[in-house]
Amino acid sequence: TTVDMAYGGMRGIKGLVWEASLLDAEEGIRFQGYS
């Protein structure tokens, strides 16, 4: 975690578990692993 992350809306901080979907910066959203 950086100072910029604290001031920047916690952008990019990995600190939350969410089982339903995952967003990849290059690939986009996957719902439970499915594009």
Full PDB file with SEQRES, HELIX, SHEET, SSBOND, CRYST1, ORIGX, SCALE, CONECT and MASTER records, all heavy atoms in Angstrom:
SEQRES   1 A   35  THR THR VAL ASP MET ALA TYR GLY GLY MET ARG GLY ILE          
SEQRES   2 A   35  LYS GLY LEU VAL TRP GLU ALA SER LEU LEU ASP ALA GLU          
SEQRES   3 A   35  GLU GLY ILE ARG PHE GLN GLY TYR SER                          
HELIX    1 AA1 VAL A    3  TYR A    7  1                                   5    
SHEET    1 AA1 2 SER A  21  ASP A  24  0                                        
SHEET    2 AA1 2 GLY A  28  PHE A  31 -1                                        
CRYST1    1.000    1.000    1.000  90.00  90.00  90.00 P 1           1          
ORIGX1      1.000000  0.000000  0.000000        0.00000                         
ORIGX2      0.000000  1.000000  0.000000        0.00000                         
ORIGX3      0.000000  0.000000  1.000000        0.00000                         
SCALE1      1.000000  0.000000  0.000000        0.00000                         
SCALE2      0.000000  1.000000  0.000000        0.00000                         
SCALE3      0.000000  0.000000  1.000000        0.00000                         
ATOM      1  N   THR A   1       0.848  -1.190   0.000  1.00  0.00           N  
ATOM      2  CA  THR A   1       0.000   0.000   0.000  1.00  0.00           C  
ATOM      3  C   THR A   1       0.884   1.241   0.000  1.00  0.00           C  
ATOM      4  O   THR A   1       1.868   1.308   0.730  1.00  0.00           O  
ATOM      5  CB  THR A   1      -0.909   0.008   1.237  1.00  0.00           C  
ATOM      6  OG1 THR A   1      -1.700  -1.178   1.247  1.00  0.00           O  
ATOM      7  CG2 THR A   1      -1.835   1.209   1.227  1.00  0.00           C  
ATOM      8  N   THR A   2       0.523   2.225  -0.825  1.00  0.00           N  
ATOM      9  CA  THR A   2       1.310   3.452  -0.923  1.00  0.00           C  
ATOM     10  C   THR A   2       0.513   4.655  -0.429  1.00  0.00           C  
ATOM     11  O   THR A   2      -0.710   4.584  -0.265  1.00  0.00           O  
ATOM     12  CB  THR A   2       1.735   3.713  -2.376  1.00  0.00           C  
ATOM     13  OG1 THR A   2       0.549   3.959  -3.165  1.00  0.00           O  
ATOM     14  CG2 THR A   2       2.487   2.521  -2.952  1.00  0.00           C  
ATOM     15  N   VAL A   3       1.205   5.737  -0.226  1.00  0.00           N  
ATOM     16  CA  VAL A   3       0.540   6.985   0.164  1.00  0.00           C  
ATOM     17  C   VAL A   3      -0.447   7.410  -0.917  1.00  0.00           C  
ATOM     18  O   VAL A   3      -1.567   7.859  -0.629  1.00  0.00           O  
ATOM     19  CB  VAL A   3       1.587   8.092   0.421  1.00  0.00           C  
ATOM     20  CG1 VAL A   3       0.901   9.448   0.613  1.00  0.00           C  
ATOM     21  CG2 VAL A   3       2.431   7.749   1.649  1.00  0.00           C  
ATOM     22  N   ASP A   4      -0.063   7.260  -2.188  1.00  0.00           N  
ATOM     23  CA  ASP A   4      -0.969   7.619  -3.288  1.00  0.00           C  
ATOM     24  C   ASP A   4      -2.253   6.800  -3.252  1.00  0.00           C  
ATOM     25  O   ASP A   4      -3.332   7.305  -3.579  1.00  0.00           O  
ATOM     26  CB  ASP A   4      -0.274   7.413  -4.638  1.00  0.00           C  
ATOM     27  CG  ASP A   4       0.603   8.590  -5.015  1.00  0.00           C  
ATOM     28  OD1 ASP A   4       0.432   9.674  -4.412  1.00  0.00           O  
ATOM     29  OD2 ASP A   4       1.447   8.433  -5.913  1.00  0.00           O  
ATOM     30  N   MET A   5      -2.150   5.531  -2.871  1.00  0.00           N  
ATOM     31  CA  MET A   5      -3.348   4.697  -2.774  1.00  0.00           C  
ATOM     32  C   MET A   5      -4.291   5.221  -1.697  1.00  0.00           C  
ATOM     33  O   MET A   5      -5.517   5.211  -1.857  1.00  0.00           O  
ATOM     34  CB  MET A   5      -2.967   3.242  -2.474  1.00  0.00           C  
ATOM     35  CG  MET A   5      -2.385   2.484  -3.644  1.00  0.00           C  
ATOM     36  SD  MET A   5      -1.889   0.813  -3.144  1.00  0.00           S  
ATOM     37  CE  MET A   5      -1.559   0.068  -4.745  1.00  0.00           C  
ATOM     38  N   ALA A   6      -3.729   5.671  -0.577  1.00  0.00           N  
ATOM     39  CA  ALA A   6      -4.552   6.196   0.518  1.00  0.00           C  
ATOM     40  C   ALA A   6      -5.291   7.461   0.092  1.00  0.00           C  
ATOM     41  O   ALA A   6      -6.465   7.654   0.425  1.00  0.00           O  
ATOM     42  CB  ALA A   6      -3.686   6.470   1.742  1.00  0.00           C  
ATOM     43  N   TYR A   7      -4.589   8.331  -0.662  1.00  0.00           N  
ATOM     44  CA  TYR A   7      -5.215   9.568  -1.131  1.00  0.00           C  
ATOM     45  C   TYR A   7      -6.053   9.355  -2.392  1.00  0.00           C  
ATOM     46  O   TYR A   7      -6.904  10.177  -2.711  1.00  0.00           O  
ATOM     47  CB  TYR A   7      -4.143  10.624  -1.419  1.00  0.00           C  
ATOM     48  CG  TYR A   7      -3.623  11.321  -0.188  1.00  0.00           C  
ATOM     49  CD1 TYR A   7      -2.399  10.974   0.363  1.00  0.00           C  
ATOM     50  CD2 TYR A   7      -4.373  12.330   0.431  1.00  0.00           C  
ATOM     51  CE1 TYR A   7      -1.907  11.610   1.501  1.00  0.00           C  
ATOM     52  CE2 TYR A   7      -3.902  12.968   1.557  1.00  0.00           C  
ATOM     53  CZ  TYR A   7      -2.670  12.618   2.101  1.00  0.00           C  
ATOM     54  OH  TYR A   7      -2.213  13.240   3.221  1.00  0.00           O  
ATOM     55  N   GLY A   8      -5.796   8.282  -3.111  1.00  0.00           N  
ATOM     56  CA  GLY A   8      -6.438   8.055  -4.406  1.00  0.00           C  
ATOM     57  C   GLY A   8      -7.644   7.147  -4.374  1.00  0.00           C  
ATOM     58  O   GLY A   8      -7.904   6.435  -5.346  1.00  0.00           O  
ATOM     59  N   GLY A   9      -8.363   7.142  -3.278  1.00  0.00           N  
ATOM     60  CA  GLY A   9      -9.577   6.335  -3.206  1.00  0.00           C  
ATOM     61  C   GLY A   9      -9.306   4.853  -3.036  1.00  0.00           C  
ATOM     62  O   GLY A   9     -10.118   4.020  -3.476  1.00  0.00           O  
ATOM     63  N   MET A  10      -8.196   4.505  -2.407  1.00  0.00           N  
ATOM     64  CA  MET A  10      -7.794   3.102  -2.183  1.00  0.00           C  
ATOM     65  C   MET A  10      -7.661   2.334  -3.491  1.00  0.00           C  
ATOM     66  O   MET A  10      -7.788   1.108  -3.530  1.00  0.00           O  
ATOM     67  CB  MET A  10      -8.769   2.388  -1.235  1.00  0.00           C  
ATOM     68  CG  MET A  10      -8.845   3.009   0.147  1.00  0.00           C  
ATOM     69  SD  MET A  10      -9.732   1.992   1.353  1.00  0.00           S  
ATOM     70  CE  MET A  10     -11.403   2.127   0.730  1.00  0.00           C  
ATOM     71  N   ARG A  11      -7.418   3.059  -4.594  1.00  0.00           N  
ATOM     72  CA  ARG A  11      -7.329   2.451  -5.917  1.00  0.00           C  
ATOM     73  C   ARG A  11      -6.258   1.366  -5.969  1.00  0.00           C  
ATOM     74  O   ARG A  11      -5.097   1.602  -5.662  1.00  0.00           O  
ATOM     75  CB  ARG A  11      -7.022   3.538  -6.947  1.00  0.00           C  
ATOM     76  CG  ARG A  11      -7.066   3.128  -8.408  1.00  0.00           C  
ATOM     77  CD  ARG A  11      -8.478   2.852  -8.867  1.00  0.00           C  
ATOM     78  NE  ARG A  11      -9.398   3.935  -8.598  1.00  0.00           N  
ATOM     79  CZ  ARG A  11      -9.626   4.952  -9.436  1.00  0.00           C  
ATOM     80  NH1 ARG A  11      -8.955   5.049 -10.548  1.00  0.00           N  
ATOM     81  NH2 ARG A  11     -10.521   5.885  -9.140  1.00  0.00           N  
ATOM     82  N   GLY A  12      -6.669   0.155  -6.337  1.00  0.00           N  
ATOM     83  CA  GLY A  12      -5.729  -0.934  -6.527  1.00  0.00           C  
ATOM     84  C   GLY A  12      -5.350  -1.712  -5.282  1.00  0.00           C  
ATOM     85  O   GLY A  12      -4.619  -2.696  -5.374  1.00  0.00           O  
ATOM     86  N   ILE A  13      -5.821  -1.289  -4.115  1.00  0.00           N  
ATOM     87  CA  ILE A  13      -5.489  -2.029  -2.891  1.00  0.00           C  
ATOM     88  C   ILE A  13      -6.225  -3.370  -2.879  1.00  0.00           C  
ATOM     89  O   ILE A  13      -7.440  -3.414  -3.066  1.00  0.00           O  
ATOM     90  CB  ILE A  13      -5.865  -1.214  -1.634  1.00  0.00           C  
ATOM     91  CG1 ILE A  13      -4.993   0.038  -1.525  1.00  0.00           C  
ATOM     92  CG2 ILE A  13      -5.725  -2.065  -0.374  1.00  0.00           C  
ATOM     93  CD1 ILE A  13      -5.364   0.947  -0.376  1.00  0.00           C  
ATOM     94  N   LYS A  14      -5.503  -4.448  -2.676  1.00  0.00           N  
ATOM     95  CA  LYS A  14      -6.125  -5.772  -2.599  1.00  0.00           C  
ATOM     96  C   LYS A  14      -6.497  -6.026  -1.143  1.00  0.00           C  
ATOM     97  O   LYS A  14      -5.665  -6.395  -0.325  1.00  0.00           O  
ATOM     98  CB  LYS A  14      -5.157  -6.835  -3.112  1.00  0.00           C  
ATOM     99  CG  LYS A  14      -4.823  -6.702  -4.598  1.00  0.00           C  
ATOM    100  CD  LYS A  14      -3.832  -7.760  -5.034  1.00  0.00           C  
ATOM    101  CE  LYS A  14      -3.533  -7.654  -6.525  1.00  0.00           C  
ATOM    102  NZ  LYS A  14      -2.810  -6.408  -6.866  1.00  0.00           N  
ATOM    103  N   GLY A  15      -7.775  -5.835  -0.811  1.00  0.00           N  
ATOM    104  CA  GLY A  15      -8.183  -5.984   0.576  1.00  0.00           C  
ATOM    105  C   GLY A  15      -9.628  -6.395   0.746  1.00  0.00           C  
ATOM    106  O   GLY A  15     -10.240  -6.135   1.775  1.00  0.00           O  
ATOM    107  N   LEU A  16     -10.204  -7.035  -0.277  1.00  0.00           N  
ATOM    108  CA  LEU A  16     -11.620  -7.377  -0.236  1.00  0.00           C  
ATOM    109  C   LEU A  16     -11.825  -8.703  -0.952  1.00  0.00           C  
ATOM    110  O   LEU A  16     -11.306  -8.907  -2.051  1.00  0.00           O  
ATOM    111  CB  LEU A  16     -12.435  -6.282  -0.937  1.00  0.00           C  
ATOM    112  CG  LEU A  16     -13.938  -6.484  -1.122  1.00  0.00           C  
ATOM    113  CD1 LEU A  16     -14.643  -6.534   0.228  1.00  0.00           C  
ATOM    114  CD2 LEU A  16     -14.527  -5.344  -1.962  1.00  0.00           C  
ATOM    115  N   VAL A  17     -12.559  -9.618  -0.334  1.00  0.00           N  
ATOM    116  CA  VAL A  17     -12.890 -10.890  -0.968  1.00  0.00           C  
ATOM    117  C   VAL A  17     -14.273 -10.795  -1.592  1.00  0.00           C  
ATOM    118  O   VAL A  17     -15.240 -10.412  -0.933  1.00  0.00           O  
ATOM    119  CB  VAL A  17     -12.856 -12.052   0.055  1.00  0.00           C  
ATOM    120  CG1 VAL A  17     -13.320 -13.355  -0.596  1.00  0.00           C  
ATOM    121  CG2 VAL A  17     -11.452 -12.223   0.619  1.00  0.00           C  
ATOM    122  N   TRP A  18     -14.354 -11.126  -2.876  1.00  0.00           N  
ATOM    123  CA  TRP A  18     -15.616 -11.085  -3.620  1.00  0.00           C  
ATOM    124  C   TRP A  18     -15.638 -12.312  -4.518  1.00  0.00           C  
ATOM    125  O   TRP A  18     -14.890 -12.394  -5.489  1.00  0.00           O  
ATOM    126  CB  TRP A  18     -15.690  -9.802  -4.452  1.00  0.00           C  
ATOM    127  CG  TRP A  18     -17.030  -9.522  -5.054  1.00  0.00           C  
ATOM    128  CD1 TRP A  18     -17.437  -9.821  -6.327  1.00  0.00           C  
ATOM    129  CD2 TRP A  18     -18.142  -8.874  -4.431  1.00  0.00           C  
ATOM    130  NE1 TRP A  18     -18.723  -9.405  -6.529  1.00  0.00           N  
ATOM    131  CE2 TRP A  18     -19.182  -8.817  -5.377  1.00  0.00           C  
ATOM    132  CE3 TRP A  18     -18.353  -8.348  -3.163  1.00  0.00           C  
ATOM    133  CZ2 TRP A  18     -20.413  -8.244  -5.092  1.00  0.00           C  
ATOM    134  CZ3 TRP A  18     -19.584  -7.773  -2.874  1.00  0.00           C  
ATOM    135  CH2 TRP A  18     -20.594  -7.714  -3.832  1.00  0.00           C  
ATOM    136  N   GLU A  19     -16.457 -13.289  -4.187  1.00  0.00           N  
ATOM    137  CA  GLU A  19     -16.402 -14.578  -4.858  1.00  0.00           C  
ATOM    138  C   GLU A  19     -17.049 -14.602  -6.243  1.00  0.00           C  
ATOM    139  O   GLU A  19     -16.712 -15.443  -7.074  1.00  0.00           O  
ATOM    140  CB  GLU A  19     -17.081 -15.651  -3.982  1.00  0.00           C  
ATOM    141  CG  GLU A  19     -16.442 -15.865  -2.618  1.00  0.00           C  
ATOM    142  CD  GLU A  19     -15.093 -16.564  -2.689  1.00  0.00           C  
ATOM    143  OE1 GLU A  19     -14.631 -16.884  -3.809  1.00  0.00           O  
ATOM    144  OE2 GLU A  19     -14.488 -16.768  -1.621  1.00  0.00           O  
ATOM    145  N   ALA A  20     -17.992 -13.697  -6.510  1.00  0.00           N  
ATOM    146  CA  ALA A  20     -18.836 -13.839  -7.694  1.00  0.00           C  
ATOM    147  C   ALA A  20     -18.129 -13.528  -9.008  1.00  0.00           C  
ATOM    148  O   ALA A  20     -18.417 -14.147 -10.037  1.00  0.00           O  
ATOM    149  CB  ALA A  20     -20.072 -12.946  -7.554  1.00  0.00           C  
ATOM    150  N   SER A  21     -17.200 -12.564  -9.015  1.00  0.00           N  
ATOM    151  CA  SER A  21     -16.579 -12.186 -10.280  1.00  0.00           C  
ATOM    152  C   SER A  21     -15.210 -11.583 -10.027  1.00  0.00           C  
ATOM    153  O   SER A  21     -14.894 -11.146  -8.914  1.00  0.00           O  
ATOM    154  CB  SER A  21     -17.459 -11.179 -11.037  1.00  0.00           C  
ATOM    155  OG  SER A  21     -17.568  -9.958 -10.334  1.00  0.00           O  
ATOM    156  N   LEU A  22     -14.408 -11.547 -11.085  1.00  0.00           N  
ATOM    157  CA  LEU A  22     -13.068 -10.983 -11.016  1.00  0.00           C  
ATOM    158  C   LEU A  22     -12.819 -10.165 -12.278  1.00  0.00           C  
ATOM    159  O   LEU A  22     -13.104 -10.619 -13.387  1.00  0.00           O  
ATOM    160  CB  LEU A  22     -12.014 -12.089 -10.887  1.00  0.00           C  
ATOM    161  CG  LEU A  22     -10.556 -11.620 -10.735  1.00  0.00           C  
ATOM    162  CD1 LEU A  22     -10.356 -10.925  -9.391  1.00  0.00           C  
ATOM    163  CD2 LEU A  22      -9.592 -12.804 -10.854  1.00  0.00           C  
ATOM    164  N   LEU A  23     -12.270  -8.957 -12.088  1.00  0.00           N  
ATOM    165  CA  LEU A  23     -12.021  -8.054 -13.209  1.00  0.00           C  
ATOM    166  C   LEU A  23     -10.530  -7.994 -13.500  1.00  0.00           C  
ATOM    167  O   LEU A  23      -9.734  -7.640 -12.628  1.00  0.00           O  
ATOM    168  CB  LEU A  23     -12.558  -6.656 -12.877  1.00  0.00           C  
ATOM    169  CG  LEU A  23     -12.369  -5.578 -13.934  1.00  0.00           C  
ATOM    170  CD1 LEU A  23     -13.052  -5.967 -15.242  1.00  0.00           C  
ATOM    171  CD2 LEU A  23     -12.924  -4.239 -13.431  1.00  0.00           C  
ATOM    172  N   ASP A  24     -10.165  -8.346 -14.726  1.00  0.00           N  
ATOM    173  CA  ASP A  24      -8.781  -8.271 -15.173  1.00  0.00           C  
ATOM    174  C   ASP A  24      -8.615  -7.038 -16.039  1.00  0.00           C  
ATOM    175  O   ASP A  24      -9.463  -6.746 -16.901  1.00  0.00           O  
ATOM    176  CB  ASP A  24      -8.414  -9.529 -15.966  1.00  0.00           C  
ATOM    177  CG  ASP A  24      -6.971  -9.515 -16.432  1.00  0.00           C  
ATOM    178  OD1 ASP A  24      -6.090  -9.882 -15.634  1.00  0.00           O  
ATOM    179  OD2 ASP A  24      -6.728  -9.115 -17.594  1.00  0.00           O  
ATOM    180  N   ALA A  25      -7.526  -6.304 -15.835  1.00  0.00           N  
ATOM    181  CA  ALA A  25      -7.305  -5.041 -16.544  1.00  0.00           C  
ATOM    182  C   ALA A  25      -7.253  -5.228 -18.053  1.00  0.00           C  
ATOM    183  O   ALA A  25      -7.670  -4.344 -18.816  1.00  0.00           O  
ATOM    184  CB  ALA A  25      -6.022  -4.379 -16.049  1.00  0.00           C  
ATOM    185  N   GLU A  26      -6.755  -6.342 -18.513  1.00  0.00           N  
ATOM    186  CA  GLU A  26      -6.610  -6.583 -19.945  1.00  0.00           C  
ATOM    187  C   GLU A  26      -7.779  -7.377 -20.529  1.00  0.00           C  
ATOM    188  O   GLU A  26      -8.225  -7.114 -21.642  1.00  0.00           O  
ATOM    189  CB  GLU A  26      -5.292  -7.341 -20.211  1.00  0.00           C  
ATOM    190  CG  GLU A  26      -4.050  -6.619 -19.738  1.00  0.00           C  
ATOM    191  CD  GLU A  26      -3.798  -5.318 -20.486  1.00  0.00           C  
ATOM    192  OE1 GLU A  26      -4.105  -5.266 -21.696  1.00  0.00           O  
ATOM    193  OE2 GLU A  26      -3.307  -4.361 -19.868  1.00  0.00           O  
ATOM    194  N   GLU A  27      -8.263  -8.338 -19.775  1.00  0.00           N  
ATOM    195  CA  GLU A  27      -9.260  -9.272 -20.294  1.00  0.00           C  
ATOM    196  C   GLU A  27     -10.697  -8.843 -20.026  1.00  0.00           C  
ATOM    197  O   GLU A  27     -11.620  -9.194 -20.761  1.00  0.00           O  
ATOM    198  CB  GLU A  27      -9.011 -10.644 -19.658  1.00  0.00           C  
ATOM    199  CG  GLU A  27      -9.837 -11.759 -20.228  1.00  0.00           C  
ATOM    200  CD  GLU A  27      -9.564 -13.090 -19.555  1.00  0.00           C  
ATOM    201  OE1 GLU A  27      -9.632 -13.162 -18.309  1.00  0.00           O  
ATOM    202  OE2 GLU A  27      -9.250 -14.041 -20.273  1.00  0.00           O  
ATOM    203  N   GLY A  28     -10.920  -8.082 -18.958  1.00  0.00           N  
ATOM    204  CA  GLY A  28     -12.276  -7.704 -18.597  1.00  0.00           C  
ATOM    205  C   GLY A  28     -12.864  -8.625 -17.543  1.00  0.00           C  
ATOM    206  O   GLY A  28     -12.154  -9.389 -16.894  1.00  0.00           O  
ATOM    207  N   ILE A  29     -14.166  -8.576 -17.392  1.00  0.00           N  
ATOM    208  CA  ILE A  29     -14.835  -9.287 -16.314  1.00  0.00           C  
ATOM    209  C   ILE A  29     -14.987 -10.777 -16.615  1.00  0.00           C  
ATOM    210  O   ILE A  29     -15.208 -11.172 -17.763  1.00  0.00           O  
ATOM    211  CB  ILE A  29     -16.240  -8.670 -16.033  1.00  0.00           C  
ATOM    212  CG1 ILE A  29     -16.820  -9.189 -14.713  1.00  0.00           C  
ATOM    213  CG2 ILE A  29     -17.196  -8.922 -17.199  1.00  0.00           C  
ATOM    214  CD1 ILE A  29     -16.074  -8.740 -13.502  1.00  0.00           C  
ATOM    215  N   ARG A  30     -14.845 -11.574 -15.572  1.00  0.00           N  
ATOM    216  CA  ARG A  30     -15.191 -12.989 -15.627  1.00  0.00           C  
ATOM    217  C   ARG A  30     -16.148 -13.283 -14.477  1.00  0.00           C  
ATOM    218  O   ARG A  30     -15.846 -12.979 -13.333  1.00  0.00           O  
ATOM    219  CB  ARG A  30     -13.949 -13.877 -15.523  1.00  0.00           C  
ATOM    220  CG  ARG A  30     -13.201 -14.029 -16.838  1.00  0.00           C  
ATOM    221  CD  ARG A  30     -12.087 -15.054 -16.750  1.00  0.00           C  
ATOM    222  NE  ARG A  30     -11.461 -15.264 -18.048  1.00  0.00           N  
ATOM    223  CZ  ARG A  30     -11.837 -16.176 -18.939  1.00  0.00           C  
ATOM    224  NH1 ARG A  30     -12.857 -16.966 -18.640  1.00  0.00           N  
ATOM    225  NH2 ARG A  30     -11.226 -16.306 -20.090  1.00  0.00           N  
ATOM    226  N   PHE A  31     -17.286 -13.859 -14.800  1.00  0.00           N  
ATOM    227  CA  PHE A  31     -18.266 -14.262 -13.800  1.00  0.00           C  
ATOM    228  C   PHE A  31     -17.944 -15.696 -13.370  1.00  0.00           C  
ATOM    229  O   PHE A  31     -18.091 -16.631 -14.163  1.00  0.00           O  
ATOM    230  CB  PHE A  31     -19.682 -14.192 -14.356  1.00  0.00           C  
ATOM    231  CG  PHE A  31     -20.077 -12.822 -14.862  1.00  0.00           C  
ATOM    232  CD1 PHE A  31     -20.468 -12.631 -16.182  1.00  0.00           C  
ATOM    233  CD2 PHE A  31     -20.046 -11.720 -14.017  1.00  0.00           C  
ATOM    234  CE1 PHE A  31     -20.844 -11.386 -16.645  1.00  0.00           C  
ATOM    235  CE2 PHE A  31     -20.418 -10.472 -14.478  1.00  0.00           C  
ATOM    236  CZ  PHE A  31     -20.821 -10.291 -15.796  1.00  0.00           C  
ATOM    237  N   GLN A  32     -17.459 -15.858 -12.139  1.00  0.00           N  
ATOM    238  CA  GLN A  32     -17.072 -17.179 -11.634  1.00  0.00           C  
ATOM    239  C   GLN A  32     -16.178 -17.904 -12.651  1.00  0.00           C  
ATOM    240  O   GLN A  32     -16.303 -19.114 -12.875  1.00  0.00           O  
ATOM    241  CB  GLN A  32     -18.317 -18.018 -11.314  1.00  0.00           C  
ATOM    242  CG  GLN A  32     -19.090 -17.536 -10.093  1.00  0.00           C  
ATOM    243  CD  GLN A  32     -18.489 -18.028  -8.779  1.00  0.00           C  
ATOM    244  OE1 GLN A  32     -17.384 -18.519  -8.738  1.00  0.00           O  
ATOM    245  NE2 GLN A  32     -19.237 -17.869  -7.689  1.00  0.00           N  
ATOM    246  N   GLY A  33     -15.281 -17.149 -13.267  1.00  0.00           N  
ATOM    247  CA  GLY A  33     -14.325 -17.734 -14.202  1.00  0.00           C  
ATOM    248  C   GLY A  33     -14.753 -17.728 -15.652  1.00  0.00           C  
ATOM    249  O   GLY A  33     -13.952 -18.048 -16.542  1.00  0.00           O  
ATOM    250  N   TYR A  34     -15.993 -17.370 -15.947  1.00  0.00           N  
ATOM    251  CA  TYR A  34     -16.503 -17.386 -17.320  1.00  0.00           C  
ATOM    252  C   TYR A  34     -16.544 -15.974 -17.901  1.00  0.00           C  
ATOM    253  O   TYR A  34     -17.078 -15.049 -17.283  1.00  0.00           O  
ATOM    254  CB  TYR A  34     -17.906 -17.991 -17.365  1.00  0.00           C  
ATOM    255  CG  TYR A  34     -17.959 -19.467 -17.031  1.00  0.00           C  
ATOM    256  CD1 TYR A  34     -18.198 -19.880 -15.722  1.00  0.00           C  
ATOM    257  CD2 TYR A  34     -17.760 -20.429 -18.010  1.00  0.00           C  
ATOM    258  CE1 TYR A  34     -18.240 -21.237 -15.395  1.00  0.00           C  
ATOM    259  CE2 TYR A  34     -17.807 -21.786 -17.701  1.00  0.00           C  
ATOM    260  CZ  TYR A  34     -18.047 -22.187 -16.393  1.00  0.00           C  
ATOM    261  OH  TYR A  34     -18.080 -23.524 -16.077  1.00  0.00           O  
ATOM    262  N   SER A  35     -16.003 -15.808 -19.106  1.00  0.00           N  
ATOM    263  CA  SER A  35     -16.047 -14.523 -19.798  1.00  0.00           C  
ATOM    264  C   SER A  35     -17.463 -14.259 -20.309  1.00  0.00           C  
ATOM    265  O   SER A  35     -18.315 -15.168 -20.352  1.00  0.00           O  
ATOM    266  CB  SER A  35     -15.071 -14.525 -20.976  1.00  0.00           C  
ATOM    267  OG  SER A  35     -15.518 -15.424 -21.984  1.00  0.00           O  
TER     268      SER A  35                                                      
MASTER        0    0    0    1    2    0    0    6  267    1    0    3          
END                                                                             
